[in-house]
């Protein structure tokens, strides 16, 4: 059962955006910048823009989750159940959540860079090939700012099994072949060898099997559940960074610089 007001699906939590709404998100960074008259070149208000982008991504991911669960329930309730459409809807919305979480992670990483006013040149040594900013930032924080509360939050997110799985799913979805889900259609995976060599007294010949496909990696329910769990993990981290941002804005000195 989906309970949007209680932020649950079958008793399991989904992202609770009220925690961000209570922090006045989405913010108006131009108003936040007014708190930095003493430091007009502060990069901190820019973090507010990045956090707004992260907020948009998790709000959209939450909607995709709700639609995915709702449509799967809808088509399973038909007589007979339409499992083909259940699979399609689950894969579609599961991938949608994964893509938005990756984007949200990149926006969040940018927000932290601006909030902590990290020199982006200092991140260069921590890049490893074609990697995301969130990966680069995690290595930087672990090495240079390991005691900072935000560092612990970011590293805990990156180390969580839920987040690592959904990021790997997204990477395979973009660059390779995503994990294949159980459904009514046959599954074919890349790298399979269809012809098999058979050697007997007359020599070597080749045969190919007809019928059947590869084994699925997971069910569509497991895909949506992984997306749900990762979304909640991300929301928790986003709220912590957002709280730090709001506190930083509130504690900015209000004194107007005095001209000598």
C-alpha atoms as a PDB file:
ATOM      1  CA  UNK A   1       0.000   0.000   0.000  1.00  0.00           C
ATOM      2  CA  UNK A   2       1.279   3.440  -0.962  1.00  0.00           C
ATOM      3  CA  UNK A   3       0.851   6.160   1.656  1.00  0.00           C
ATOM      4  CA  UNK A   4       2.201   9.389   0.165  1.00  0.00           C
ATOM      5  CA  UNK A   5       1.317  11.459   3.238  1.00  0.00           C
ATOM      6  CA  UNK A   6       3.135   9.071   5.582  1.00  0.00           C
ATOM      7  CA  UNK A   7       6.055   8.695   3.144  1.00  0.00           C
ATOM      8  CA  UNK A   8       5.775   4.920   3.046  1.00  0.00           C
ATOM      9  CA  UNK A   9       5.269   2.088   0.552  1.00  0.00           C
ATOM     10  CA  UNK A  10       4.059  -1.125   2.175  1.00  0.00           C
ATOM     11  CA  UNK A  11       5.363   0.207   5.479  1.00  0.00           C
ATOM     12  CA  UNK A  12       8.837   0.988   4.094  1.00  0.00           C
ATOM     13  CA  UNK A  13      10.018   4.622   4.082  1.00  0.00           C
ATOM     14  CA  UNK A  14      10.431   6.744   0.983  1.00  0.00           C
ATOM     15  CA  UNK A  15      12.210  10.137   0.885  1.00  0.00           C
ATOM     16  CA  UNK A  16      10.626  12.600   3.301  1.00  0.00           C
ATOM     17  CA  UNK A  17      10.839  16.017   1.667  1.00  0.00           C
ATOM     18  CA  UNK A  18       9.236  17.766   4.646  1.00  0.00           C
ATOM     19  CA  UNK A  19      12.644  17.800   6.318  1.00  0.00           C
ATOM     20  CA  UNK A  20      13.913  19.941   3.455  1.00  0.00           C
ATOM     21  CA  UNK A  21      10.762  22.055   3.326  1.00  0.00           C
ATOM     22  CA  UNK A  22      11.291  22.872   7.013  1.00  0.00           C
ATOM     23  CA  UNK A  23      14.691  24.278   6.019  1.00  0.00           C
ATOM     24  CA  UNK A  24      12.928  26.512   3.459  1.00  0.00           C
ATOM     25  CA  UNK A  25      14.008  24.515   0.427  1.00  0.00           C
ATOM     26  CA  UNK A  26      14.112  25.341  -2.353  1.00  0.00           C
ATOM     27  CA  UNK A  27      16.068  28.354  -1.139  1.00  0.00           C
ATOM     28  CA  UNK A  28      16.341  31.832  -2.649  1.00  0.00           C
ATOM     29  CA  UNK A  29      20.147  32.136  -2.845  1.00  0.00           C
ATOM     30  CA  UNK A  30      19.972  35.827  -3.665  1.00  0.00           C
ATOM     31  CA  UNK A  31      18.354  36.448  -0.293  1.00  0.00           C
ATOM     32  CA  UNK A  32      20.931  34.222   1.408  1.00  0.00           C
ATOM     33  CA  UNK A  33      23.664  36.291  -0.239  1.00  0.00           C
ATOM     34  CA  UNK A  34      22.371  39.337   1.612  1.00  0.00           C
ATOM     35  CA  UNK A  35      23.813  37.777   4.773  1.00  0.00           C
ATOM     36  CA  UNK A  36      27.288  38.041   3.272  1.00  0.00           C
ATOM     37  CA  UNK A  37      27.537  41.799   2.789  1.00  0.00           C
ATOM     38  CA  UNK A  38      30.753  41.605   4.806  1.00  0.00           C
ATOM     39  CA  UNK A  39      32.079  39.115   2.240  1.00  0.00           C
ATOM     40  CA  UNK A  40      30.415  39.827  -1.118  1.00  0.00           C
ATOM     41  CA  UNK A  41      32.622  37.306  -2.949  1.00  0.00           C
ATOM     42  CA  UNK A  42      31.660  34.416  -0.668  1.00  0.00           C
ATOM     43  CA  UNK A  43      30.987  31.188  -2.512  1.00  0.00           C
ATOM     44  CA  UNK A  44      28.524  29.960   0.094  1.00  0.00           C
ATOM     45  CA  UNK A  45      25.346  31.264  -1.609  1.00  0.00           C
ATOM     46  CA  UNK A  46      26.391  29.286  -4.690  1.00  0.00           C
ATOM     47  CA  UNK A  47      26.050  26.180  -2.526  1.00  0.00           C
ATOM     48  CA  UNK A  48      22.394  27.092  -2.118  1.00  0.00           C
ATOM     49  CA  UNK A  49      21.903  26.931  -5.878  1.00  0.00           C
ATOM     50  CA  UNK A  50      23.536  23.483  -5.995  1.00  0.00           C
ATOM     51  CA  UNK A  51      21.419  22.284  -3.076  1.00  0.00           C
ATOM     52  CA  UNK A  52      18.292  23.462  -4.873  1.00  0.00           C
ATOM     53  CA  UNK A  53      19.348  21.299  -7.811  1.00  0.00           C
ATOM     54  CA  UNK A  54      19.853  18.328  -5.481  1.00  0.00           C
ATOM     55  CA  UNK A  55      16.423  18.982  -3.989  1.00  0.00           C
ATOM     56  CA  UNK A  56      14.867  18.915  -7.467  1.00  0.00           C
ATOM     57  CA  UNK A  57      16.538  15.602  -8.256  1.00  0.00           C
ATOM     58  CA  UNK A  58      15.358  13.845  -5.085  1.00  0.00           C
ATOM     59  CA  UNK A  59      11.849  15.284  -5.491  1.00  0.00           C
ATOM     60  CA  UNK A  60      11.712  13.883  -9.034  1.00  0.00           C
ATOM     61  CA  UNK A  61      13.227  10.564  -7.910  1.00  0.00           C
ATOM     62  CA  UNK A  62      10.585  10.314  -5.194  1.00  0.00           C
ATOM     63  CA  UNK A  63       7.837  10.868  -7.767  1.00  0.00           C
ATOM     64  CA  UNK A  64       9.361   8.181 -10.013  1.00  0.00           C
ATOM     65  CA  UNK A  65       9.429   5.753  -7.083  1.00  0.00           C
ATOM     66  CA  UNK A  66       5.781   6.370  -6.265  1.00  0.00           C
ATOM     67  CA  UNK A  67       4.755   5.962  -9.912  1.00  0.00           C
ATOM     68  CA  UNK A  68       6.806   2.795 -10.269  1.00  0.00           C
ATOM     69  CA  UNK A  69       5.268   1.141  -7.212  1.00  0.00           C
ATOM     70  CA  UNK A  70       1.768   2.371  -8.088  1.00  0.00           C
ATOM     71  CA  UNK A  71       1.844   1.129 -11.687  1.00  0.00           C
ATOM     72  CA  UNK A  72       3.323  -2.226 -10.728  1.00  0.00           C
ATOM     73  CA  UNK A  73       0.521  -2.716  -8.209  1.00  0.00           C
ATOM     74  CA  UNK A  74      -2.041  -1.567 -10.779  1.00  0.00           C
ATOM     75  CA  UNK A  75      -1.034  -4.026 -13.497  1.00  0.00           C
ATOM     76  CA  UNK A  76      -0.607  -6.905 -11.057  1.00  0.00           C
ATOM     77  CA  UNK A  77      -4.167  -6.338  -9.837  1.00  0.00           C
ATOM     78  CA  UNK A  78      -5.603  -6.953 -13.319  1.00  0.00           C
ATOM     79  CA  UNK A  79      -7.243 -10.262 -14.156  1.00  0.00           C
ATOM     80  CA  UNK A  80      -5.077 -11.842 -15.386  1.00  0.00           C
ATOM     81  CA  UNK A  81      -2.040  -9.910 -14.110  1.00  0.00           C
ATOM     82  CA  UNK A  82      -0.083  -8.152 -16.844  1.00  0.00           C
ATOM     83  CA  UNK A  83       3.451  -9.128 -15.818  1.00  0.00           C
ATOM     84  CA  UNK A  84       4.979  -7.823 -19.043  1.00  0.00           C
ATOM     85  CA  UNK A  85       3.824  -4.289 -18.275  1.00  0.00           C
ATOM     86  CA  UNK A  86       4.814  -4.738 -14.607  1.00  0.00           C
ATOM     87  CA  UNK A  87       8.368  -5.511 -15.723  1.00  0.00           C
ATOM     88  CA  UNK A  88       8.469  -2.604 -18.161  1.00  0.00           C
ATOM     89  CA  UNK A  89       7.194  -0.085 -15.621  1.00  0.00           C
ATOM     90  CA  UNK A  90       9.516  -1.309 -12.884  1.00  0.00           C
ATOM     91  CA  UNK A  91      12.568  -1.134 -15.142  1.00  0.00           C
ATOM     92  CA  UNK A  92      11.599   2.277 -16.514  1.00  0.00           C
ATOM     93  CA  UNK A  93      11.069   3.951 -13.159  1.00  0.00           C
ATOM     94  CA  UNK A  94      13.921   2.092 -11.463  1.00  0.00           C
ATOM     95  CA  UNK A  95      16.366   3.388 -14.075  1.00  0.00           C
ATOM     96  CA  UNK A  96      14.829   6.852 -13.821  1.00  0.00           C
ATOM     97  CA  UNK A  97      15.503   6.940 -10.082  1.00  0.00           C
ATOM     98  CA  UNK A  98      19.078   5.723 -10.573  1.00  0.00           C
ATOM     99  CA  UNK A  99      19.845   8.441 -13.127  1.00  0.00           C
ATOM    100  CA  UNK A 100      18.367  11.193 -10.968  1.00  0.00           C
ATOM    101  CA  UNK A 101      20.245   9.989  -7.891  1.00  0.00           C
ATOM    102  CA  UNK A 102      23.532  10.124  -9.773  1.00  0.00           C
ATOM    103  CA  UNK A 103      22.738  13.663 -10.918  1.00  0.00           C
ATOM    104  CA  UNK A 104      21.655  14.604  -7.400  1.00  0.00           C
ATOM    105  CA  UNK A 105      24.945  13.262  -6.062  1.00  0.00           C
ATOM    106  CA  UNK A 106      26.899  15.449  -8.458  1.00  0.00           C
ATOM    107  CA  UNK A 107      24.879  18.531  -7.454  1.00  0.00           C
ATOM    108  CA  UNK A 108      25.427  17.680  -3.794  1.00  0.00           C
ATOM    109  CA  UNK A 109      29.181  17.317  -4.341  1.00  0.00           C
ATOM    110  CA  UNK A 110      29.254  20.758  -5.973  1.00  0.00           C
ATOM    111  CA  UNK A 111      27.290  22.170  -3.050  1.00  0.00           C
ATOM    112  CA  UNK A 112      29.858  20.848  -0.570  1.00  0.00           C
ATOM    113  CA  UNK A 113      32.755  22.239  -2.602  1.00  0.00           C
ATOM    114  CA  UNK A 114      31.141  25.688  -2.534  1.00  0.00           C
ATOM    115  CA  UNK A 115      29.942  25.474   1.077  1.00  0.00           C
ATOM    116  CA  UNK A 116      33.412  24.574   2.343  1.00  0.00           C
ATOM    117  CA  UNK A 117      34.943  26.936  -0.231  1.00  0.00           C
ATOM    118  CA  UNK A 118      37.337  24.261  -1.440  1.00  0.00           C
ATOM    119  CA  UNK A 119      39.797  25.352  -4.102  1.00  0.00           C
ATOM    120  CA  UNK A 120      38.866  23.190  -7.085  1.00  0.00           C
ATOM    121  CA  UNK A 121      42.515  22.991  -8.056  1.00  0.00           C
ATOM    122  CA  UNK A 122      43.092  21.086  -4.818  1.00  0.00           C
ATOM    123  CA  UNK A 123      40.794  18.331  -6.122  1.00  0.00           C
ATOM    124  CA  UNK A 124      42.932  17.582  -9.167  1.00  0.00           C
ATOM    125  CA  UNK A 125      45.306  15.104  -7.453  1.00  0.00           C
ATOM    126  CA  UNK A 126      42.284  13.062  -6.333  1.00  0.00           C
ATOM    127  CA  UNK A 127      40.824  12.483  -9.782  1.00  0.00           C
ATOM    128  CA  UNK A 128      41.155   8.938 -11.053  1.00  0.00           C
ATOM    129  CA  UNK A 129      40.440   8.693 -14.742  1.00  0.00           C
ATOM    130  CA  UNK A 130      36.869   9.245 -15.886  1.00  0.00           C
ATOM    131  CA  UNK A 131      35.260   9.713 -12.510  1.00  0.00           C
ATOM    132  CA  UNK A 132      32.453  11.756 -11.050  1.00  0.00           C
ATOM    133  CA  UNK A 133      32.960  14.797  -8.856  1.00  0.00           C
ATOM    134  CA  UNK A 134      31.379  12.929  -5.962  1.00  0.00           C
ATOM    135  CA  UNK A 135      34.079  10.256  -6.161  1.00  0.00           C
ATOM    136  CA  UNK A 136      36.861  12.826  -6.408  1.00  0.00           C
ATOM    137  CA  UNK A 137      35.434  14.838  -3.518  1.00  0.00           C
ATOM    138  CA  UNK A 138      35.081  11.743  -1.330  1.00  0.00           C
ATOM    139  CA  UNK A 139      38.781  10.954  -1.735  1.00  0.00           C
ATOM    140  CA  UNK A 140      39.707  14.581  -1.038  1.00  0.00           C
ATOM    141  CA  UNK A 141      37.588  14.760   2.117  1.00  0.00           C
ATOM    142  CA  UNK A 142      38.905  11.438   3.407  1.00  0.00           C
ATOM    143  CA  UNK A 143      42.455  12.715   3.032  1.00  0.00           C
ATOM    144  CA  UNK A 144      42.207  16.438   3.787  1.00  0.00           C
ATOM    145  CA  UNK A 145      39.045  17.001   5.866  1.00  0.00           C
ATOM    146  CA  UNK A 146      38.419  13.642   7.516  1.00  0.00           C
ATOM    147  CA  UNK A 147      37.285  15.141  10.838  1.00  0.00           C
ATOM    148  CA  UNK A 148      34.678  17.451   9.324  1.00  0.00           C
ATOM    149  CA  UNK A 149      31.065  16.334  10.020  1.00  0.00           C
ATOM    150  CA  UNK A 150      30.136  16.651   6.342  1.00  0.00           C
ATOM    151  CA  UNK A 151      33.045  14.419   5.408  1.00  0.00           C
ATOM    152  CA  UNK A 152      31.711  11.639   7.601  1.00  0.00           C
ATOM    153  CA  UNK A 153      28.242  11.979   6.094  1.00  0.00           C
ATOM    154  CA  UNK A 154      29.518  11.881   2.517  1.00  0.00           C
ATOM    155  CA  UNK A 155      31.826   8.934   3.164  1.00  0.00           C
ATOM    156  CA  UNK A 156      29.063   6.988   4.898  1.00  0.00           C
ATOM    157  CA  UNK A 157      26.779   7.514   1.902  1.00  0.00           C
ATOM    158  CA  UNK A 158      29.464   6.409  -0.534  1.00  0.00           C
ATOM    159  CA  UNK A 159      30.250   3.319   1.528  1.00  0.00           C
ATOM    160  CA  UNK A 160      26.633   2.205   1.942  1.00  0.00           C
ATOM    161  CA  UNK A 161      25.670  -0.935   0.027  1.00  0.00           C
ATOM    162  CA  UNK A 162      22.424   0.677  -1.197  1.00  0.00           C
ATOM    163  CA  UNK A 163      24.185   3.675  -2.742  1.00  0.00           C
ATOM    164  CA  UNK A 164      27.035   1.647  -4.259  1.00  0.00           C
ATOM    165  CA  UNK A 165      24.589  -0.742  -5.903  1.00  0.00           C
ATOM    166  CA  UNK A 166      22.401   1.939  -7.478  1.00  0.00           C
ATOM    167  CA  UNK A 167      25.463   3.856  -8.730  1.00  0.00           C
ATOM    168  CA  UNK A 168      26.838   0.662 -10.296  1.00  0.00           C
ATOM    169  CA  UNK A 169      23.439  -0.014 -11.874  1.00  0.00           C
ATOM    170  CA  UNK A 170      23.407   3.498 -13.313  1.00  0.00           C
ATOM    171  CA  UNK A 171      26.965   3.126 -14.644  1.00  0.00           C
ATOM    172  CA  UNK A 172      26.113  -0.158 -16.363  1.00  0.00           C
ATOM    173  CA  UNK A 173      22.875   1.375 -17.678  1.00  0.00           C
ATOM    174  CA  UNK A 174      24.908   4.129 -19.379  1.00  0.00           C
ATOM    175  CA  UNK A 175      28.156   2.406 -20.363  1.00  0.00           C
ATOM    176  CA  UNK A 176      27.444  -1.336 -20.541  1.00  0.00           C
ATOM    177  CA  UNK A 177      24.289  -3.411 -20.028  1.00  0.00           C
ATOM    178  CA  UNK A 178      22.212  -2.903 -16.881  1.00  0.00           C
ATOM    179  CA  UNK A 179      21.346  -5.734 -14.540  1.00  0.00           C
ATOM    180  CA  UNK A 180      18.652  -7.850 -16.185  1.00  0.00           C
ATOM    181  CA  UNK A 181      15.357  -8.364 -14.396  1.00  0.00           C
ATOM    182  CA  UNK A 182      12.975 -11.305 -14.342  1.00  0.00           C
ATOM    183  CA  UNK A 183      10.142 -10.985 -16.831  1.00  0.00           C
ATOM    184  CA  UNK A 184       8.112 -12.766 -19.501  1.00  0.00           C
ATOM    185  CA  UNK A 185      10.697 -12.123 -22.239  1.00  0.00           C
ATOM    186  CA  UNK A 186      13.908 -14.070 -22.829  1.00  0.00           C
ATOM    187  CA  UNK A 187      17.106 -12.436 -21.570  1.00  0.00           C
ATOM    188  CA  UNK A 188      20.271 -12.145 -23.622  1.00  0.00           C
ATOM    189  CA  UNK A 189      23.466 -10.927 -22.016  1.00  0.00           C
ATOM    190  CA  UNK A 190      26.516  -9.490 -23.658  1.00  0.00           C
ATOM    191  CA  UNK A 191      29.586 -11.682 -23.874  1.00  0.00           C
ATOM    192  CA  UNK A 192      27.690 -14.946 -24.255  1.00  0.00           C
ATOM    193  CA  UNK A 193      29.214 -17.542 -26.593  1.00  0.00           C
ATOM    194  CA  UNK A 194      26.346 -18.980 -28.629  1.00  0.00           C
ATOM    195  CA  UNK A 195      28.310 -21.587 -30.588  1.00  0.00           C
ATOM    196  CA  UNK A 196      29.866 -24.473 -28.674  1.00  0.00           C
ATOM    197  CA  UNK A 197      32.708 -26.620 -30.006  1.00  0.00           C
ATOM    198  CA  UNK A 198      32.056 -30.364 -29.972  1.00  0.00           C
ATOM    199  CA  UNK A 199      34.954 -32.735 -30.625  1.00  0.00           C
ATOM    200  CA  UNK A 200      34.542 -36.438 -31.430  1.00  0.00           C
ATOM    201  CA  UNK A 201      36.339 -39.090 -33.484  1.00  0.00           C
ATOM    202  CA  UNK A 202      35.355 -37.361 -36.698  1.00  0.00           C
ATOM    203  CA  UNK A 203      36.826 -34.026 -35.626  1.00  0.00           C
ATOM    204  CA  UNK A 204      35.478 -30.779 -34.264  1.00  0.00           C
ATOM    205  CA  UNK A 205      32.089 -29.356 -35.097  1.00  0.00           C
ATOM    206  CA  UNK A 206      30.011 -26.561 -33.662  1.00  0.00           C
ATOM    207  CA  UNK A 207      26.506 -26.549 -32.290  1.00  0.00           C
ATOM    208  CA  UNK A 208      24.185 -23.845 -31.088  1.00  0.00           C
ATOM    209  CA  UNK A 209      21.370 -24.176 -28.589  1.00  0.00           C
ATOM    210  CA  UNK A 210      17.871 -23.069 -29.546  1.00  0.00           C
ATOM    211  CA  UNK A 211      15.468 -21.874 -26.905  1.00  0.00           C
ATOM    212  CA  UNK A 212      15.997 -20.463 -23.454  1.00  0.00           C
ATOM    213  CA  UNK A 213      17.892 -17.387 -22.429  1.00  0.00           C
ATOM    214  CA  UNK A 214      20.269 -16.151 -19.779  1.00  0.00           C
ATOM    215  CA  UNK A 215      19.449 -16.082 -16.092  1.00  0.00           C
ATOM    216  CA  UNK A 216      18.093 -12.789 -14.690  1.00  0.00           C
ATOM    217  CA  UNK A 217      20.136 -10.846 -12.159  1.00  0.00           C
ATOM    218  CA  UNK A 218      17.235  -9.744  -9.971  1.00  0.00           C
ATOM    219  CA  UNK A 219      13.485  -9.260  -9.861  1.00  0.00           C
ATOM    220  CA  UNK A 220      11.827  -5.989 -10.774  1.00  0.00           C
ATOM    221  CA  UNK A 221      10.694  -5.739  -7.141  1.00  0.00           C
ATOM    222  CA  UNK A 222      14.324  -5.938  -5.996  1.00  0.00           C
ATOM    223  CA  UNK A 223      15.244  -3.173  -8.447  1.00  0.00           C
ATOM    224  CA  UNK A 224      12.594  -0.801  -7.088  1.00  0.00           C
ATOM    225  CA  UNK A 225      13.482  -1.722  -3.519  1.00  0.00           C
ATOM    226  CA  UNK A 226      17.155  -0.923  -4.152  1.00  0.00           C
ATOM    227  CA  UNK A 227      16.155   2.404  -5.700  1.00  0.00           C
ATOM    228  CA  UNK A 228      13.946   3.159  -2.694  1.00  0.00           C
ATOM    229  CA  UNK A 229      16.656   2.373  -0.153  1.00  0.00           C
ATOM    230  CA  UNK A 230      19.303   4.415  -2.016  1.00  0.00           C
ATOM    231  CA  UNK A 231      16.906   7.361  -2.295  1.00  0.00           C
ATOM    232  CA  UNK A 232      16.377   7.375   1.464  1.00  0.00           C
ATOM    233  CA  UNK A 233      20.135   7.204   2.043  1.00  0.00           C
ATOM    234  CA  UNK A 234      20.701  10.141  -0.269  1.00  0.00           C
ATOM    235  CA  UNK A 235      17.931  12.176   1.358  1.00  0.00           C
ATOM    236  CA  UNK A 236      19.489  11.720   4.794  1.00  0.00           C
ATOM    237  CA  UNK A 237      22.834  13.032   3.521  1.00  0.00           C
ATOM    238  CA  UNK A 238      21.223  15.899   1.624  1.00  0.00           C
ATOM    239  CA  UNK A 239      19.369  17.007   4.759  1.00  0.00           C
ATOM    240  CA  UNK A 240      22.604  17.059   6.777  1.00  0.00           C
ATOM    241  CA  UNK A 241      24.364  19.206   4.174  1.00  0.00           C
ATOM    242  CA  UNK A 242      21.314  21.454   3.873  1.00  0.00           C
ATOM    243  CA  UNK A 243      21.232  21.946   7.651  1.00  0.00           C
ATOM    244  CA  UNK A 244      24.905  22.926   7.590  1.00  0.00           C
ATOM    245  CA  UNK A 245      24.215  25.394   4.796  1.00  0.00           C
ATOM    246  CA  UNK A 246      21.309  27.039   6.611  1.00  0.00           C
ATOM    247  CA  UNK A 247      23.315  27.271   9.840  1.00  0.00           C
ATOM    248  CA  UNK A 248      26.248  28.829   7.972  1.00  0.00           C
ATOM    249  CA  UNK A 249      23.968  31.438   6.421  1.00  0.00           C
ATOM    250  CA  UNK A 250      22.319  32.241   9.757  1.00  0.00           C
ATOM    251  CA  UNK A 251      25.626  32.586  11.575  1.00  0.00           C
ATOM    252  CA  UNK A 252      27.186  34.916   9.019  1.00  0.00           C
ATOM    253  CA  UNK A 253      28.204  38.253  10.631  1.00  0.00           C
ATOM    254  CA  UNK A 254      25.592  40.939  10.092  1.00  0.00           C
ATOM    255  CA  UNK A 255      27.963  43.831  10.669  1.00  0.00           C
ATOM    256  CA  UNK A 256      28.353  46.117   7.677  1.00  0.00           C
ATOM    257  CA  UNK A 257      32.011  46.823   6.867  1.00  0.00           C
ATOM    258  CA  UNK A 258      33.135  50.243   8.064  1.00  0.00           C
ATOM    259  CA  UNK A 259      34.993  52.343   5.558  1.00  0.00           C
ATOM    260  CA  UNK A 260      38.223  53.734   6.922  1.00  0.00           C
END
